Amino acid sequence: MEKFTASNGVELKTENNSTFARLMCRKADEIIGDRKWHPVGEAVTKGGRNGFSLESAMAKALREFFQHERDTELGRWRWPEYPEYVVRKLPDSNPETVIVINESYGPSYTFTRTESLPGGNVHSSAARAYFEAHPEPKPWHDAKPGEVWAVDIKEGNVLRNRTGFVVKVLREVNIIVFQDGSQEHLDVKSITAGRRIWPEVGA
């Protein structure tokens, strides 16, 4: 599992080997100093009995960590602002449709991207938050290494059209390299439009 940050700022990650997984953490006040990760909690012995000590902040972070892990397994997204609302994408839906459920008292509604507009109820706001966190895929997101693309990039208040070739980066999204040597990840929001110019579409 990738690094997880709880609502109280505690960061958690797992370190796996062939026999066990170890859960590591660091608190919010340790992040700025870039201190090393350390195991969650510590073993204690009291009155001849062995136990385990865990800070309250760490316990809260662990609850959120395991909930997030379960949400991921079940394919649901939990709204950070109001965690009682969960969103799930309906399979094979066209247009893309999600169902929003309030786990506290059960009601659910379905929405598409165009239906989750401002001014609706809380369910609509949850759907809108989901779609904002999961932007609609753009053609240039699937650009392949070796292709040449022309993209519009917003730089401050200026929109520039730039041409570059696509390069594969290990374990990261592909990047586009421009003629001046600068580069940009293809999934950044500053790219507002794009078209493949080589190979030609349909070639």
N, C-alpha and C. Protein backbone atom coordinates (compact mmCIF):
# COMPACT_ATOMS: atom_id res chain seq x y z
N MET A 1 0.84 -1.19 0.00
CA MET A 1 0.00 0.00 0.00
C MET A 1 0.87 1.24 0.00
N GLU A 2 0.48 2.29 -0.74
CA GLU A 2 1.22 3.52 -0.77
C GLU A 2 1.09 4.25 0.56
N LYS A 3 1.91 5.28 0.72
CA LYS A 3 1.87 6.07 1.95
C LYS A 3 0.48 6.66 2.16
N PHE A 4 0.00 6.59 3.39
CA PHE A 4 -1.33 7.09 3.74
C PHE A 4 -1.19 8.18 4.79
N THR A 5 -1.91 9.27 4.62
CA THR A 5 -1.91 10.36 5.59
C THR A 5 -3.28 10.47 6.23
N ALA A 6 -3.34 10.30 7.54
CA ALA A 6 -4.61 10.38 8.27
C ALA A 6 -5.03 11.83 8.43
N SER A 7 -6.27 12.02 8.88
CA SER A 7 -6.81 13.37 9.02
C SER A 7 -6.08 14.19 10.09
N ASN A 8 -5.41 13.52 11.03
CA ASN A 8 -4.66 14.25 12.06
C ASN A 8 -3.19 14.47 11.68
N GLY A 9 -2.85 14.17 10.42
CA GLY A 9 -1.50 14.43 9.93
C GLY A 9 -0.51 13.29 10.09
N VAL A 10 -0.88 12.22 10.78
CA VAL A 10 0.02 11.08 10.94
C VAL A 10 0.15 10.34 9.61
N GLU A 11 1.38 10.05 9.22
CA GLU A 11 1.65 9.31 7.99
C GLU A 11 1.92 7.85 8.33
N LEU A 12 1.40 6.95 7.50
CA LEU A 12 1.59 5.52 7.70
C LEU A 12 1.99 4.87 6.38
N LYS A 13 2.81 3.83 6.49
CA LYS A 13 3.15 3.03 5.32
C LYS A 13 3.53 1.64 5.78
N THR A 14 3.46 0.67 4.87
CA THR A 14 3.84 -0.69 5.21
C THR A 14 5.16 -1.04 4.55
N GLU A 15 5.95 -1.81 5.26
CA GLU A 15 7.19 -2.36 4.72
C GLU A 15 7.06 -3.87 4.73
N ASN A 16 7.12 -4.47 3.55
CA ASN A 16 6.88 -5.91 3.43
C ASN A 16 8.18 -6.65 3.13
N ASN A 17 8.28 -7.86 3.69
CA ASN A 17 9.33 -8.78 3.27
C ASN A 17 8.68 -10.14 3.06
N SER A 18 9.47 -11.18 2.94
CA SER A 18 8.94 -12.49 2.59
C SER A 18 8.11 -13.12 3.70
N THR A 19 8.25 -12.66 4.94
CA THR A 19 7.56 -13.32 6.05
C THR A 19 6.53 -12.46 6.77
N PHE A 20 6.69 -11.13 6.75
CA PHE A 20 5.74 -10.30 7.49
C PHE A 20 5.70 -8.89 6.90
N ALA A 21 4.65 -8.16 7.30
CA ALA A 21 4.52 -6.75 6.92
C ALA A 21 4.64 -5.91 8.18
N ARG A 22 5.44 -4.88 8.13
CA ARG A 22 5.64 -4.01 9.28
C ARG A 22 5.03 -2.64 8.98
N LEU A 23 4.23 -2.15 9.90
CA LEU A 23 3.57 -0.86 9.73
C LEU A 23 4.44 0.23 10.34
N MET A 24 4.81 1.22 9.53
CA MET A 24 5.68 2.30 9.96
C MET A 24 4.89 3.61 10.00
N CYS A 25 5.37 4.56 10.82
CA CYS A 25 4.64 5.82 10.96
C CYS A 25 5.60 6.96 11.24
N ARG A 26 5.06 8.16 11.08
CA ARG A 26 5.71 9.37 11.58
C ARG A 26 4.62 10.41 11.79
N LYS A 27 4.75 11.18 12.85
CA LYS A 27 3.73 12.15 13.22
C LYS A 27 3.90 13.44 12.44
N ALA A 28 2.84 14.25 12.47
CA ALA A 28 2.84 15.49 11.69
C ALA A 28 4.00 16.40 12.06
N ASP A 29 4.32 16.49 13.35
CA ASP A 29 5.39 17.39 13.77
C ASP A 29 6.77 16.87 13.43
N GLU A 30 6.83 15.63 12.91
CA GLU A 30 8.11 15.06 12.51
C GLU A 30 8.34 15.19 11.01
N ILE A 31 7.30 15.54 10.27
CA ILE A 31 7.39 15.54 8.82
C ILE A 31 8.29 16.67 8.32
N ILE A 32 8.13 17.86 8.91
CA ILE A 32 8.92 19.00 8.47
C ILE A 32 10.40 18.73 8.66
N GLY A 33 10.74 18.10 9.78
CA GLY A 33 12.14 17.79 10.05
C GLY A 33 12.65 16.59 9.28
N ASP A 34 11.75 15.94 8.53
CA ASP A 34 12.12 14.78 7.72
C ASP A 34 12.80 13.71 8.56
N ARG A 35 12.25 13.44 9.73
CA ARG A 35 12.81 12.40 10.58
C ARG A 35 12.52 11.02 10.01
N LYS A 36 13.24 10.04 10.49
CA LYS A 36 13.08 8.70 9.97
C LYS A 36 11.75 8.10 10.42
N TRP A 37 11.26 7.18 9.61
CA TRP A 37 10.06 6.44 9.96
C TRP A 37 10.38 5.48 11.11
N HIS A 38 9.39 5.19 11.94
CA HIS A 38 9.60 4.25 13.04
C HIS A 38 8.36 3.37 13.19
N PRO A 39 8.50 2.20 13.82
CA PRO A 39 7.35 1.30 13.97
C PRO A 39 6.22 1.94 14.75
N VAL A 40 5.00 1.54 14.44
CA VAL A 40 3.83 2.03 15.16
C VAL A 40 3.81 1.43 16.56
N GLY A 41 3.73 2.27 17.59
CA GLY A 41 3.65 1.78 18.96
C GLY A 41 4.95 1.14 19.43
N GLU A 42 4.91 0.61 20.65
CA GLU A 42 6.09 -0.04 21.21
C GLU A 42 5.66 -1.10 22.23
N ALA A 43 6.46 -2.14 22.32
CA ALA A 43 6.18 -3.20 23.29
C ALA A 43 6.54 -2.72 24.69
N VAL A 44 5.72 -3.07 25.67
CA VAL A 44 5.97 -2.69 27.07
C VAL A 44 5.77 -3.90 27.97
N THR A 45 6.46 -3.89 29.10
CA THR A 45 6.30 -4.94 30.11
C THR A 45 5.96 -4.28 31.44
N LYS A 46 4.86 -4.72 32.04
CA LYS A 46 4.42 -4.13 33.30
C LYS A 46 3.85 -5.23 34.18
N GLY A 47 4.38 -5.32 35.41
CA GLY A 47 3.90 -6.33 36.33
C GLY A 47 4.10 -7.75 35.82
N GLY A 48 5.17 -7.94 35.08
CA GLY A 48 5.45 -9.27 34.55
C GLY A 48 4.62 -9.63 33.33
N ARG A 49 3.83 -8.69 32.83
CA ARG A 49 3.00 -8.96 31.66
C ARG A 49 3.47 -8.11 30.47
N ASN A 50 3.43 -8.74 29.32
CA ASN A 50 3.83 -8.03 28.10
C ASN A 50 2.61 -7.35 27.48
N GLY A 51 2.82 -6.18 26.94
CA GLY A 51 1.73 -5.46 26.31
C GLY A 51 2.24 -4.61 25.16
N PHE A 52 1.38 -3.71 24.71
CA PHE A 52 1.71 -2.86 23.57
C PHE A 52 1.18 -1.46 23.83
N SER A 53 2.04 -0.46 23.70
CA SER A 53 1.66 0.93 23.97
C SER A 53 1.43 1.66 22.65
N LEU A 54 0.33 2.42 22.59
CA LEU A 54 -0.04 3.12 21.37
C LEU A 54 -0.61 4.49 21.72
N GLU A 55 -0.07 5.55 21.14
CA GLU A 55 -0.59 6.88 21.39
C GLU A 55 -1.99 7.01 20.81
N SER A 56 -2.81 7.89 21.42
CA SER A 56 -4.18 8.08 20.94
C SER A 56 -4.22 8.59 19.51
N ALA A 57 -3.28 9.48 19.16
CA ALA A 57 -3.22 10.00 17.79
C ALA A 57 -2.91 8.88 16.80
N MET A 58 -2.05 7.95 17.23
CA MET A 58 -1.70 6.84 16.37
C MET A 58 -2.87 5.88 16.22
N ALA A 59 -3.63 5.69 17.29
CA ALA A 59 -4.80 4.81 17.23
C ALA A 59 -5.82 5.35 16.24
N LYS A 60 -6.04 6.66 16.27
CA LYS A 60 -6.97 7.29 15.33
C LYS A 60 -6.49 7.11 13.90
N ALA A 61 -5.19 7.32 13.69
CA ALA A 61 -4.62 7.16 12.35
C ALA A 61 -4.76 5.73 11.85
N LEU A 62 -4.56 4.76 12.75
CA LEU A 62 -4.69 3.36 12.36
C LEU A 62 -6.11 3.01 11.96
N ARG A 63 -7.10 3.55 12.70
CA ARG A 63 -8.49 3.29 12.34
C ARG A 63 -8.78 3.79 10.93
N GLU A 64 -8.29 4.98 10.61
CA GLU A 64 -8.50 5.53 9.28
C GLU A 64 -7.72 4.75 8.22
N PHE A 65 -6.53 4.30 8.59
CA PHE A 65 -5.69 3.54 7.67
C PHE A 65 -6.38 2.25 7.24
N PHE A 66 -6.88 1.49 8.22
CA PHE A 66 -7.52 0.22 7.89
C PHE A 66 -8.86 0.43 7.20
N GLN A 67 -9.55 1.51 7.53
CA GLN A 67 -10.79 1.82 6.82
C GLN A 67 -10.50 2.15 5.36
N HIS A 68 -9.45 2.94 5.12
CA HIS A 68 -9.06 3.28 3.76
C HIS A 68 -8.67 2.02 2.98
N GLU A 69 -7.96 1.13 3.65
CA GLU A 69 -7.55 -0.12 3.01
C GLU A 69 -8.77 -0.93 2.59
N ARG A 70 -9.77 -1.01 3.46
CA ARG A 70 -11.00 -1.74 3.15
C ARG A 70 -11.79 -1.04 2.05
N ASP A 71 -11.85 0.29 2.11
CA ASP A 71 -12.54 1.04 1.06
C ASP A 71 -11.93 0.73 -0.30
N THR A 72 -10.60 0.69 -0.35
CA THR A 72 -9.91 0.42 -1.61
C THR A 72 -10.24 -0.98 -2.11
N GLU A 73 -10.27 -1.95 -1.21
CA GLU A 73 -10.60 -3.33 -1.59
C GLU A 73 -12.00 -3.41 -2.19
N LEU A 74 -12.93 -2.63 -1.66
CA LEU A 74 -14.32 -2.68 -2.09
C LEU A 74 -14.62 -1.71 -3.23
N GLY A 75 -13.62 -0.97 -3.68
CA GLY A 75 -13.82 -0.06 -4.80
C GLY A 75 -14.67 1.15 -4.48
N ARG A 76 -14.59 1.63 -3.25
CA ARG A 76 -15.38 2.80 -2.88
C ARG A 76 -14.45 3.94 -2.46
N TRP A 77 -14.95 5.16 -2.61
CA TRP A 77 -14.19 6.36 -2.26
C TRP A 77 -14.92 7.09 -1.14
N ARG A 78 -14.19 7.43 -0.09
CA ARG A 78 -14.80 8.08 1.07
C ARG A 78 -14.51 9.58 1.03
N TRP A 79 -15.53 10.38 1.16
CA TRP A 79 -15.40 11.83 1.08
C TRP A 79 -14.66 12.35 2.31
N PRO A 80 -13.46 12.94 2.17
CA PRO A 80 -12.70 13.40 3.34
C PRO A 80 -13.45 14.43 4.18
N GLU A 81 -14.24 15.28 3.54
CA GLU A 81 -14.93 16.34 4.29
C GLU A 81 -16.01 15.78 5.20
N TYR A 82 -16.77 14.80 4.70
CA TYR A 82 -17.80 14.13 5.49
C TYR A 82 -17.64 12.63 5.27
N PRO A 83 -16.83 11.96 6.10
CA PRO A 83 -16.47 10.55 5.86
C PRO A 83 -17.64 9.58 5.87
N GLU A 84 -18.80 10.00 6.37
CA GLU A 84 -19.95 9.08 6.35
C GLU A 84 -20.52 8.91 4.94
N TYR A 85 -20.07 9.74 3.99
CA TYR A 85 -20.51 9.61 2.60
C TYR A 85 -19.47 8.84 1.80
N VAL A 86 -19.91 7.76 1.16
CA VAL A 86 -19.02 6.99 0.30
C VAL A 86 -19.58 6.99 -1.12
N VAL A 87 -18.67 6.93 -2.08
CA VAL A 87 -19.04 6.99 -3.49
C VAL A 87 -18.46 5.77 -4.19
N ARG A 88 -19.29 5.17 -5.03
CA ARG A 88 -18.85 4.00 -5.79
C ARG A 88 -19.24 4.18 -7.25
N LYS A 89 -18.31 3.90 -8.14
CA LYS A 89 -18.60 3.99 -9.57
C LYS A 89 -19.40 2.77 -10.01
N LEU A 90 -20.50 3.01 -10.74
CA LEU A 90 -21.29 1.90 -11.25
C LEU A 90 -20.57 1.30 -12.45
N PRO A 91 -20.39 -0.02 -12.49
CA PRO A 91 -19.63 -0.63 -13.58
C PRO A 91 -20.34 -0.49 -14.92
N ASP A 92 -19.53 -0.31 -15.97
CA ASP A 92 -20.03 -0.26 -17.36
C ASP A 92 -21.09 0.80 -17.57
N SER A 93 -21.04 1.89 -16.81
CA SER A 93 -22.03 2.96 -16.96
C SER A 93 -21.57 3.96 -18.01
N ASN A 94 -22.49 4.40 -18.85
CA ASN A 94 -22.20 5.38 -19.88
C ASN A 94 -23.40 6.29 -20.05
N PRO A 95 -23.35 7.58 -19.68
CA PRO A 95 -22.14 8.25 -19.19
C PRO A 95 -21.73 7.75 -17.81
N GLU A 96 -20.51 8.09 -17.42
CA GLU A 96 -19.98 7.63 -16.13
C GLU A 96 -20.93 8.01 -15.00
N THR A 97 -21.36 7.00 -14.25
CA THR A 97 -22.34 7.20 -13.19
C THR A 97 -21.80 6.67 -11.87
N VAL A 98 -22.09 7.40 -10.79
CA VAL A 98 -21.68 6.96 -9.46
C VAL A 98 -22.90 6.91 -8.55
N ILE A 99 -22.81 6.09 -7.53
CA ILE A 99 -23.83 6.05 -6.49
C ILE A 99 -23.22 6.59 -5.21
N VAL A 100 -23.93 7.48 -4.55
CA VAL A 100 -23.46 8.11 -3.31
C VAL A 100 -24.33 7.61 -2.16
N ILE A 101 -23.70 7.09 -1.12
CA ILE A 101 -24.41 6.50 0.01
C ILE A 101 -24.01 7.21 1.29
N ASN A 102 -25.00 7.55 2.10
CA ASN A 102 -24.74 8.05 3.45
C ASN A 102 -24.80 6.86 4.38
N GLU A 103 -23.65 6.46 4.93
CA GLU A 103 -23.60 5.26 5.76
C GLU A 103 -24.28 5.45 7.11
N SER A 104 -24.51 6.70 7.52
CA SER A 104 -25.12 6.95 8.82
C SER A 104 -26.58 6.54 8.86
N TYR A 105 -27.32 6.85 7.77
CA TYR A 105 -28.74 6.52 7.79
C TYR A 105 -29.26 5.94 6.48
N GLY A 106 -28.37 5.62 5.53
CA GLY A 106 -28.74 4.74 4.44
C GLY A 106 -29.16 5.28 3.09
N PRO A 107 -29.68 6.50 2.93
CA PRO A 107 -30.17 6.91 1.62
C PRO A 107 -29.05 7.00 0.59
N SER A 108 -29.38 6.72 -0.66
CA SER A 108 -28.39 6.77 -1.73
C SER A 108 -29.00 7.39 -2.98
N TYR A 109 -28.15 8.02 -3.78
CA TYR A 109 -28.56 8.65 -5.03
C TYR A 109 -27.49 8.40 -6.07
N THR A 110 -27.88 8.42 -7.34
CA THR A 110 -26.92 8.26 -8.42
C THR A 110 -26.74 9.60 -9.14
N PHE A 111 -25.53 9.80 -9.64
CA PHE A 111 -25.20 11.05 -10.34
C PHE A 111 -24.25 10.75 -11.49
N THR A 112 -24.31 11.61 -12.52
CA THR A 112 -23.28 11.64 -13.56
C THR A 112 -22.48 12.92 -13.36
N ARG A 113 -21.42 13.09 -14.16
CA ARG A 113 -20.61 14.30 -14.02
C ARG A 113 -21.44 15.57 -14.23
N THR A 114 -22.35 15.54 -15.18
CA THR A 114 -23.14 16.74 -15.47
C THR A 114 -24.25 16.96 -14.45
N GLU A 115 -24.62 15.93 -13.71
CA GLU A 115 -25.69 16.07 -12.72
C GLU A 115 -25.18 16.52 -11.36
N SER A 116 -23.89 16.36 -11.10
CA SER A 116 -23.34 16.72 -9.79
C SER A 116 -22.89 18.17 -9.80
N LEU A 117 -23.83 19.06 -10.11
CA LEU A 117 -23.53 20.48 -10.24
C LEU A 117 -23.74 21.21 -8.92
N PRO A 118 -23.10 22.37 -8.75
CA PRO A 118 -23.29 23.14 -7.51
C PRO A 118 -24.76 23.48 -7.29
N GLY A 119 -25.15 23.54 -6.02
CA GLY A 119 -26.51 23.90 -5.69
C GLY A 119 -27.38 22.73 -5.30
N GLY A 120 -26.87 21.50 -5.41
CA GLY A 120 -27.65 20.33 -5.06
C GLY A 120 -27.55 20.03 -3.57
N ASN A 121 -27.99 18.81 -3.19
CA ASN A 121 -27.93 18.41 -1.78
C ASN A 121 -26.52 17.92 -1.43
N VAL A 122 -26.37 17.40 -0.22
CA VAL A 122 -25.05 16.96 0.23
C VAL A 122 -24.57 15.77 -0.60
N HIS A 123 -25.50 14.89 -0.99
CA HIS A 123 -25.11 13.77 -1.85
C HIS A 123 -24.50 14.28 -3.15
N SER A 124 -25.11 15.32 -3.72
CA SER A 124 -24.58 15.90 -4.95
C SER A 124 -23.19 16.49 -4.73
N SER A 125 -22.98 17.13 -3.59
CA SER A 125 -21.66 17.68 -3.27
C SER A 125 -20.62 16.58 -3.14
N ALA A 126 -21.02 15.44 -2.55
CA ALA A 126 -20.10 14.30 -2.43
C ALA A 126 -19.73 13.77 -3.81
N ALA A 127 -20.73 13.68 -4.71
CA ALA A 127 -20.46 13.22 -6.07
C ALA A 127 -19.52 14.18 -6.78
N ARG A 128 -19.76 15.48 -6.61
CA ARG A 128 -18.91 16.48 -7.25
C ARG A 128 -17.48 16.38 -6.72
N ALA A 129 -17.32 16.15 -5.42
CA ALA A 129 -15.98 15.99 -4.84
C ALA A 129 -15.29 14.76 -5.42
N TYR A 130 -16.06 13.69 -5.63
CA TYR A 130 -15.50 12.47 -6.23
C TYR A 130 -14.99 12.76 -7.64
N PHE A 131 -15.83 13.41 -8.45
CA PHE A 131 -15.43 13.67 -9.84
C PHE A 131 -14.25 14.64 -9.91
N GLU A 132 -14.16 15.57 -8.96
CA GLU A 132 -13.00 16.47 -8.93
C GLU A 132 -11.73 15.71 -8.57
N ALA A 133 -11.87 14.70 -7.70
CA ALA A 133 -10.71 13.88 -7.31
C ALA A 133 -10.37 12.84 -8.38
N HIS A 134 -11.33 12.57 -9.28
CA HIS A 134 -11.12 11.59 -10.35
C HIS A 134 -11.47 12.26 -11.68
N PRO A 135 -10.61 13.16 -12.19
CA PRO A 135 -10.92 13.87 -13.42
C PRO A 135 -11.13 12.93 -14.60
N GLU A 136 -11.96 13.38 -15.52
CA GLU A 136 -12.25 12.58 -16.71
C GLU A 136 -10.97 12.39 -17.51
N PRO A 137 -10.66 11.15 -17.91
CA PRO A 137 -9.42 10.91 -18.66
C PRO A 137 -9.39 11.72 -19.95
N LYS A 138 -8.22 12.27 -20.26
CA LYS A 138 -8.03 13.04 -21.49
C LYS A 138 -7.20 12.22 -22.47
N PRO A 139 -7.34 12.49 -23.78
CA PRO A 139 -6.60 11.69 -24.78
C PRO A 139 -5.10 11.65 -24.53
N TRP A 140 -4.51 12.78 -24.10
CA TRP A 140 -3.06 12.81 -23.91
C TRP A 140 -2.59 12.01 -22.69
N HIS A 141 -3.52 11.64 -21.81
CA HIS A 141 -3.14 10.80 -20.68
C HIS A 141 -2.64 9.43 -21.16
N ASP A 142 -3.12 9.00 -22.33
CA ASP A 142 -2.73 7.69 -22.87
C ASP A 142 -1.65 7.81 -23.94
N ALA A 143 -0.99 8.96 -24.03
CA ALA A 143 0.06 9.14 -25.02
C ALA A 143 1.17 8.11 -24.80
N LYS A 144 1.65 7.53 -25.89
CA LYS A 144 2.65 6.46 -25.82
C LYS A 144 4.06 7.02 -26.06
N PRO A 145 5.06 6.38 -25.44
CA PRO A 145 6.44 6.81 -25.67
C PRO A 145 6.78 6.80 -27.15
N GLY A 146 7.46 7.85 -27.61
CA GLY A 146 7.84 7.97 -29.01
C GLY A 146 6.89 8.81 -29.83
N GLU A 147 5.67 9.03 -29.32
CA GLU A 147 4.71 9.86 -30.04
C GLU A 147 5.06 11.34 -29.88
N VAL A 148 4.59 12.15 -30.84
CA VAL A 148 4.77 13.60 -30.77
C VAL A 148 3.39 14.23 -30.60
N TRP A 149 3.27 15.09 -29.60
CA TRP A 149 1.99 15.73 -29.30
C TRP A 149 2.15 17.25 -29.26
N ALA A 150 1.08 17.93 -29.66
CA ALA A 150 0.97 19.38 -29.47
C ALA A 150 -0.03 19.59 -28.35
N VAL A 151 0.36 20.31 -27.32
CA VAL A 151 -0.51 20.51 -26.16
C VAL A 151 -0.63 21.99 -25.83
N ASP A 152 -1.78 22.35 -25.28
CA ASP A 152 -1.98 23.69 -24.75
C ASP A 152 -1.70 23.66 -23.26
N ILE A 153 -0.80 24.51 -22.80
CA ILE A 153 -0.43 24.55 -21.39
C ILE A 153 -0.70 25.95 -20.84
N LYS A 154 -1.40 25.99 -19.72
CA LYS A 154 -1.68 27.27 -19.08
C LYS A 154 -0.54 27.61 -18.14
N GLU A 155 0.15 28.70 -18.43
CA GLU A 155 1.26 29.17 -17.60
C GLU A 155 0.86 30.51 -17.00
N GLY A 156 0.39 30.49 -15.76
CA GLY A 156 -0.17 31.69 -15.15
C GLY A 156 -1.48 32.04 -15.84
N ASN A 157 -1.55 33.22 -16.42
CA ASN A 157 -2.74 33.63 -17.16
C ASN A 157 -2.56 33.48 -18.67
N VAL A 158 -1.45 32.86 -19.08
CA VAL A 158 -1.14 32.73 -20.51
C VAL A 158 -1.31 31.28 -20.94
N LEU A 159 -1.97 31.08 -22.09
CA LEU A 159 -2.14 29.75 -22.65
C LEU A 159 -1.17 29.59 -23.81
N ARG A 160 -0.26 28.63 -23.72
CA ARG A 160 0.75 28.43 -24.75
C ARG A 160 0.55 27.07 -25.42
N ASN A 161 0.80 27.05 -26.75
CA ASN A 161 0.77 25.80 -27.49
C ASN A 161 2.20 25.33 -27.69
N ARG A 162 2.51 24.12 -27.20
CA ARG A 162 3.87 23.62 -27.27
C ARG A 162 3.87 22.21 -27.82
N THR A 163 4.95 21.87 -28.52
CA THR A 163 5.08 20.55 -29.14
C THR A 163 6.25 19.81 -28.50
N GLY A 164 6.04 18.51 -28.27
CA GLY A 164 7.11 17.72 -27.67
C GLY A 164 6.89 16.24 -27.92
N PHE A 165 7.88 15.43 -27.55
CA PHE A 165 7.75 13.98 -27.70
C PHE A 165 7.61 13.34 -26.33
N VAL A 166 6.94 12.19 -26.33
CA VAL A 166 6.58 11.53 -25.08
C VAL A 166 7.66 10.54 -24.68
N VAL A 167 7.97 10.53 -23.39
CA VAL A 167 8.99 9.64 -22.84
C VAL A 167 8.39 8.86 -21.68
N LYS A 168 8.73 7.59 -21.58
CA LYS A 168 8.28 6.75 -20.48
C LYS A 168 9.19 6.95 -19.28
N VAL A 169 8.58 7.14 -18.10
CA VAL A 169 9.33 7.27 -16.86
C VAL A 169 8.97 6.10 -15.95
N LEU A 170 9.97 5.42 -15.41
CA LEU A 170 9.74 4.24 -14.58
C LEU A 170 8.88 4.58 -13.37
N ARG A 171 7.77 3.83 -13.21
CA ARG A 171 6.86 3.93 -12.07
C ARG A 171 6.18 5.30 -11.96
N GLU A 172 6.22 6.10 -13.01
CA GLU A 172 5.52 7.38 -13.00
C GLU A 172 4.73 7.52 -14.29
N VAL A 173 3.86 8.52 -14.32
CA VAL A 173 3.13 8.81 -15.54
C VAL A 173 4.11 9.29 -16.60
N ASN A 174 3.78 9.02 -17.88
CA ASN A 174 4.65 9.47 -18.96
C ASN A 174 4.81 10.99 -18.95
N ILE A 175 5.92 11.46 -19.48
CA ILE A 175 6.17 12.90 -19.54
C ILE A 175 6.31 13.31 -21.00
N ILE A 176 6.12 14.61 -21.25
CA ILE A 176 6.35 15.17 -22.58
C ILE A 176 7.54 16.11 -22.48
N VAL A 177 8.50 15.93 -23.40
CA VAL A 177 9.72 16.74 -23.41
C VAL A 177 9.62 17.72 -24.57
N PHE A 178 9.82 19.01 -24.27
CA PHE A 178 9.68 20.05 -25.28
C PHE A 178 11.02 20.38 -25.91
N GLN A 179 10.97 21.21 -26.96
CA GLN A 179 12.17 21.50 -27.74
C GLN A 179 13.25 22.20 -26.92
N ASP A 180 12.86 22.96 -25.90
CA ASP A 180 13.86 23.66 -25.09
C ASP A 180 14.42 22.79 -23.97
N GLY A 181 14.01 21.51 -23.94
CA GLY A 181 14.50 20.59 -22.92
C GLY A 181 13.65 20.51 -21.68
N SER A 182 12.72 21.44 -21.52
CA SER A 182 11.82 21.37 -20.37
C SER A 182 10.85 20.22 -20.54
N GLN A 183 10.21 19.82 -19.47
CA GLN A 183 9.32 18.67 -19.53
C GLN A 183 8.16 18.84 -18.57
N GLU A 184 7.13 18.02 -18.78
CA GLU A 184 5.94 18.11 -17.94
C GLU A 184 5.27 16.75 -17.89
N HIS A 185 4.72 16.39 -16.73
CA HIS A 185 3.94 15.17 -16.64
C HIS A 185 2.64 15.35 -17.40
N LEU A 186 2.19 14.31 -18.08
CA LEU A 186 1.03 14.43 -18.95
C LEU A 186 -0.30 14.51 -18.21
N ASP A 187 -0.29 14.28 -16.90
CA ASP A 187 -1.56 14.32 -16.17
C ASP A 187 -1.75 15.62 -15.39
N VAL A 188 -0.89 16.61 -15.58
CA VAL A 188 -1.05 17.85 -14.83
C VAL A 188 -2.25 18.63 -15.36
N LYS A 189 -2.89 19.38 -14.46
CA LYS A 189 -4.10 20.12 -14.82
C LYS A 189 -3.80 21.31 -15.72
N SER A 190 -2.54 21.75 -15.76
CA SER A 190 -2.20 22.91 -16.60
C SER A 190 -2.29 22.59 -18.08
N ILE A 191 -2.27 21.30 -18.46
CA ILE A 191 -2.49 20.92 -19.86
C ILE A 191 -3.99 20.88 -20.09
N THR A 192 -4.47 21.79 -20.93
CA THR A 192 -5.92 21.92 -21.13
C THR A 192 -6.41 21.30 -22.42
N ALA A 193 -5.52 21.02 -23.37
CA ALA A 193 -5.91 20.40 -24.64
C ALA A 193 -4.68 19.77 -25.26
N GLY A 194 -4.91 18.83 -26.17
CA GLY A 194 -3.79 18.19 -26.83
C GLY A 194 -4.22 17.36 -28.01
N ARG A 195 -3.31 17.21 -28.98
CA ARG A 195 -3.59 16.34 -30.12
C ARG A 195 -2.29 15.69 -30.56
N ARG A 196 -2.42 14.45 -31.02
CA ARG A 196 -1.24 13.73 -31.50
C ARG A 196 -0.95 14.16 -32.92
N ILE A 197 0.30 14.53 -33.20
CA ILE A 197 0.66 14.94 -34.56
C ILE A 197 1.57 13.92 -35.25
N TRP A 198 2.15 12.99 -34.45
CA TRP A 198 2.89 11.87 -35.06
C TRP A 198 2.92 10.69 -34.11
N PRO A 199 2.64 9.48 -34.60
CA PRO A 199 2.08 9.19 -35.92
C PRO A 199 0.73 9.88 -36.10
N GLU A 200 0.37 10.18 -37.31
CA GLU A 200 -0.90 10.84 -37.57
C GLU A 200 -2.04 9.94 -37.13
N VAL A 201 -3.09 10.55 -36.61
CA VAL A 201 -4.27 9.80 -36.18
C VAL A 201 -4.84 9.05 -37.37
N GLY A 202 -5.07 7.74 -37.19
CA GLY A 202 -5.59 6.91 -38.27
C GLY A 202 -4.51 6.27 -39.10
N ALA A 203 -3.24 6.64 -38.82
CA ALA A 203 -2.14 6.07 -39.59
C ALA A 203 -1.87 4.65 -39.15
